[in-house]
């Protein structure tokens, strides 16, 4: 997975952290958890606030779905 695989990351995070409300997640945790996902292999420096916001929004949508 790469940082641009927003939906795949959101699904993986929802599966890895089922008891977490994604609306309460800090970007620092979101960043670390994304890097720790199995299959994630992008450059950690390529992330940014916009990417993390998009991941969080997709995770919220996934949790509501």
N, C-alpha and C. Protein backbone atom coordinates (compact mmCIF):
# COMPACT_ATOMS: atom_id res chain seq x y z
N UNK A 1 0.83 -1.19 0.00
CA UNK A 1 0.00 0.00 0.00
C UNK A 1 0.88 1.25 0.00
N UNK A 2 0.37 2.25 -0.63
CA UNK A 2 1.02 3.56 -0.67
C UNK A 2 0.12 4.58 0.01
N UNK A 3 0.65 5.77 0.31
CA UNK A 3 -0.14 6.83 0.95
C UNK A 3 -1.37 7.18 0.12
N UNK A 4 -1.29 7.00 -1.18
CA UNK A 4 -2.42 7.36 -2.05
C UNK A 4 -3.53 6.31 -2.06
N UNK A 5 -3.30 5.18 -1.45
CA UNK A 5 -4.32 4.12 -1.36
C UNK A 5 -5.23 4.38 -0.17
N UNK A 6 -5.88 5.53 -0.20
CA UNK A 6 -6.66 6.04 0.93
C UNK A 6 -7.71 5.03 1.40
N UNK A 7 -8.51 4.51 0.49
CA UNK A 7 -9.59 3.60 0.87
C UNK A 7 -9.04 2.30 1.45
N UNK A 8 -8.00 1.76 0.84
CA UNK A 8 -7.40 0.53 1.35
C UNK A 8 -6.83 0.73 2.75
N UNK A 9 -6.20 1.87 2.97
CA UNK A 9 -5.65 2.18 4.29
C UNK A 9 -6.77 2.30 5.31
N UNK A 10 -7.86 2.98 4.93
CA UNK A 10 -8.99 3.15 5.85
C UNK A 10 -9.58 1.81 6.25
N UNK A 11 -9.75 0.93 5.29
CA UNK A 11 -10.29 -0.40 5.58
C UNK A 11 -9.35 -1.17 6.50
N UNK A 12 -8.06 -1.12 6.19
CA UNK A 12 -7.08 -1.84 7.02
C UNK A 12 -7.05 -1.29 8.45
N UNK A 13 -7.15 0.03 8.59
CA UNK A 13 -7.17 0.63 9.92
C UNK A 13 -8.42 0.24 10.69
N UNK A 14 -9.56 0.21 10.01
CA UNK A 14 -10.81 -0.19 10.65
C UNK A 14 -10.73 -1.64 11.13
N UNK A 15 -10.08 -2.48 10.36
CA UNK A 15 -9.91 -3.88 10.75
C UNK A 15 -8.89 -4.04 11.87
N UNK A 16 -7.83 -3.24 11.83
CA UNK A 16 -6.77 -3.34 12.84
C UNK A 16 -7.16 -2.71 14.17
N UNK A 17 -8.05 -1.73 14.13
CA UNK A 17 -8.44 -0.99 15.34
C UNK A 17 -9.96 -0.88 15.43
N UNK A 18 -10.65 -2.02 15.58
CA UNK A 18 -12.12 -2.01 15.53
C UNK A 18 -12.79 -1.26 16.68
N UNK A 19 -12.10 -1.10 17.79
CA UNK A 19 -12.71 -0.44 18.95
C UNK A 19 -12.39 1.05 19.03
N UNK A 20 -11.73 1.57 18.02
CA UNK A 20 -11.33 2.98 18.01
C UNK A 20 -12.34 3.81 17.22
N UNK A 21 -12.74 4.93 17.78
CA UNK A 21 -13.58 5.89 17.05
C UNK A 21 -12.65 6.74 16.20
N UNK A 22 -12.70 6.62 14.87
CA UNK A 22 -11.76 7.34 14.02
C UNK A 22 -11.86 8.86 14.14
N UNK A 23 -12.98 9.36 14.64
CA UNK A 23 -13.13 10.81 14.81
C UNK A 23 -12.25 11.34 15.94
N UNK A 24 -11.81 10.46 16.82
CA UNK A 24 -11.01 10.90 17.97
C UNK A 24 -9.52 10.65 17.80
N UNK A 25 -9.13 10.10 16.66
CA UNK A 25 -7.73 9.73 16.44
C UNK A 25 -6.88 10.96 16.11
N UNK A 26 -5.76 11.09 16.81
CA UNK A 26 -4.80 12.17 16.50
C UNK A 26 -4.01 11.78 15.26
N UNK A 27 -3.60 12.78 14.51
CA UNK A 27 -2.83 12.52 13.30
C UNK A 27 -1.53 11.79 13.61
N UNK A 28 -0.92 12.06 14.75
CA UNK A 28 0.32 11.37 15.09
C UNK A 28 0.08 9.87 15.24
N UNK A 29 -1.05 9.49 15.84
CA UNK A 29 -1.39 8.07 15.95
C UNK A 29 -1.76 7.48 14.60
N UNK A 30 -2.54 8.22 13.84
CA UNK A 30 -2.95 7.78 12.51
C UNK A 30 -1.72 7.51 11.63
N UNK A 31 -0.77 8.38 11.71
CA UNK A 31 0.48 8.25 10.96
C UNK A 31 1.22 6.96 11.37
N UNK A 32 1.40 6.77 12.67
CA UNK A 32 2.12 5.58 13.17
C UNK A 32 1.38 4.30 12.84
N UNK A 33 0.06 4.31 13.00
CA UNK A 33 -0.73 3.10 12.72
C UNK A 33 -0.70 2.76 11.24
N UNK A 34 -0.71 3.77 10.39
CA UNK A 34 -0.64 3.53 8.95
C UNK A 34 0.70 2.90 8.58
N UNK A 35 1.77 3.45 9.12
CA UNK A 35 3.10 2.89 8.84
C UNK A 35 3.21 1.44 9.31
N UNK A 36 2.49 1.08 10.36
CA UNK A 36 2.56 -0.26 10.94
C UNK A 36 1.67 -1.27 10.23
N UNK A 37 0.83 -0.82 9.30
CA UNK A 37 -0.07 -1.75 8.62
C UNK A 37 0.71 -2.76 7.79
N UNK A 38 0.26 -4.00 7.84
CA UNK A 38 0.87 -5.03 7.02
C UNK A 38 0.63 -4.68 5.55
N UNK A 39 1.67 -4.72 4.76
CA UNK A 39 1.55 -4.40 3.35
C UNK A 39 1.78 -2.94 3.01
N UNK A 40 1.94 -2.09 4.04
CA UNK A 40 2.22 -0.68 3.75
C UNK A 40 3.72 -0.55 3.51
N UNK A 41 4.09 0.02 2.37
CA UNK A 41 5.52 0.10 2.04
C UNK A 41 5.89 1.38 1.31
N UNK A 42 5.28 2.48 1.70
CA UNK A 42 5.60 3.77 1.08
C UNK A 42 6.58 4.53 1.98
N UNK A 43 7.16 5.55 1.42
CA UNK A 43 8.11 6.40 2.14
C UNK A 43 7.37 7.19 3.23
N UNK A 44 7.76 7.04 4.49
CA UNK A 44 7.10 7.77 5.57
C UNK A 44 7.09 9.29 5.37
N UNK A 45 8.06 9.81 4.65
CA UNK A 45 8.15 11.26 4.44
C UNK A 45 7.15 11.78 3.41
N UNK A 46 6.48 10.89 2.70
CA UNK A 46 5.54 11.33 1.66
C UNK A 46 4.17 11.67 2.22
N UNK A 47 3.98 11.45 3.51
CA UNK A 47 2.71 11.77 4.14
C UNK A 47 2.64 13.27 4.43
N UNK A 48 1.42 13.72 4.65
CA UNK A 48 1.20 15.11 5.02
C UNK A 48 -0.19 15.25 5.62
N UNK A 49 -0.50 16.45 6.07
CA UNK A 49 -1.78 16.68 6.73
C UNK A 49 -2.96 16.35 5.82
N UNK A 50 -2.88 16.71 4.55
CA UNK A 50 -3.99 16.45 3.63
C UNK A 50 -4.23 14.95 3.45
N UNK A 51 -3.16 14.20 3.35
CA UNK A 51 -3.29 12.75 3.20
C UNK A 51 -3.89 12.15 4.46
N UNK A 52 -3.40 12.57 5.62
CA UNK A 52 -3.93 12.04 6.88
C UNK A 52 -5.40 12.42 7.06
N UNK A 53 -5.77 13.63 6.66
CA UNK A 53 -7.18 14.03 6.72
C UNK A 53 -8.03 13.14 5.83
N UNK A 54 -7.54 12.84 4.64
CA UNK A 54 -8.29 11.99 3.71
C UNK A 54 -8.43 10.58 4.26
N UNK A 55 -7.37 10.05 4.86
CA UNK A 55 -7.42 8.72 5.46
C UNK A 55 -8.43 8.70 6.60
N UNK A 56 -8.39 9.72 7.45
CA UNK A 56 -9.31 9.78 8.58
C UNK A 56 -10.76 9.88 8.09
N UNK A 57 -11.00 10.70 7.09
CA UNK A 57 -12.36 10.85 6.55
C UNK A 57 -12.85 9.52 5.97
N UNK A 58 -12.00 8.81 5.25
CA UNK A 58 -12.38 7.52 4.68
C UNK A 58 -12.62 6.50 5.78
N UNK A 59 -11.82 6.54 6.83
CA UNK A 59 -12.01 5.62 7.96
C UNK A 59 -13.34 5.91 8.67
N UNK A 60 -13.66 7.18 8.85
CA UNK A 60 -14.94 7.54 9.46
C UNK A 60 -16.09 7.02 8.60
N UNK A 61 -15.99 7.21 7.31
CA UNK A 61 -17.02 6.71 6.39
C UNK A 61 -17.12 5.20 6.46
N UNK A 62 -15.99 4.52 6.54
CA UNK A 62 -15.96 3.06 6.65
C UNK A 62 -16.62 2.61 7.96
N UNK A 63 -16.35 3.31 9.03
CA UNK A 63 -16.93 2.96 10.34
C UNK A 63 -18.44 3.20 10.36
N UNK A 64 -18.89 4.21 9.65
CA UNK A 64 -20.32 4.52 9.60
C UNK A 64 -21.08 3.58 8.67
N UNK A 65 -20.33 3.02 7.70
CA UNK A 65 -20.94 2.23 6.63
C UNK A 65 -21.61 1.00 7.08
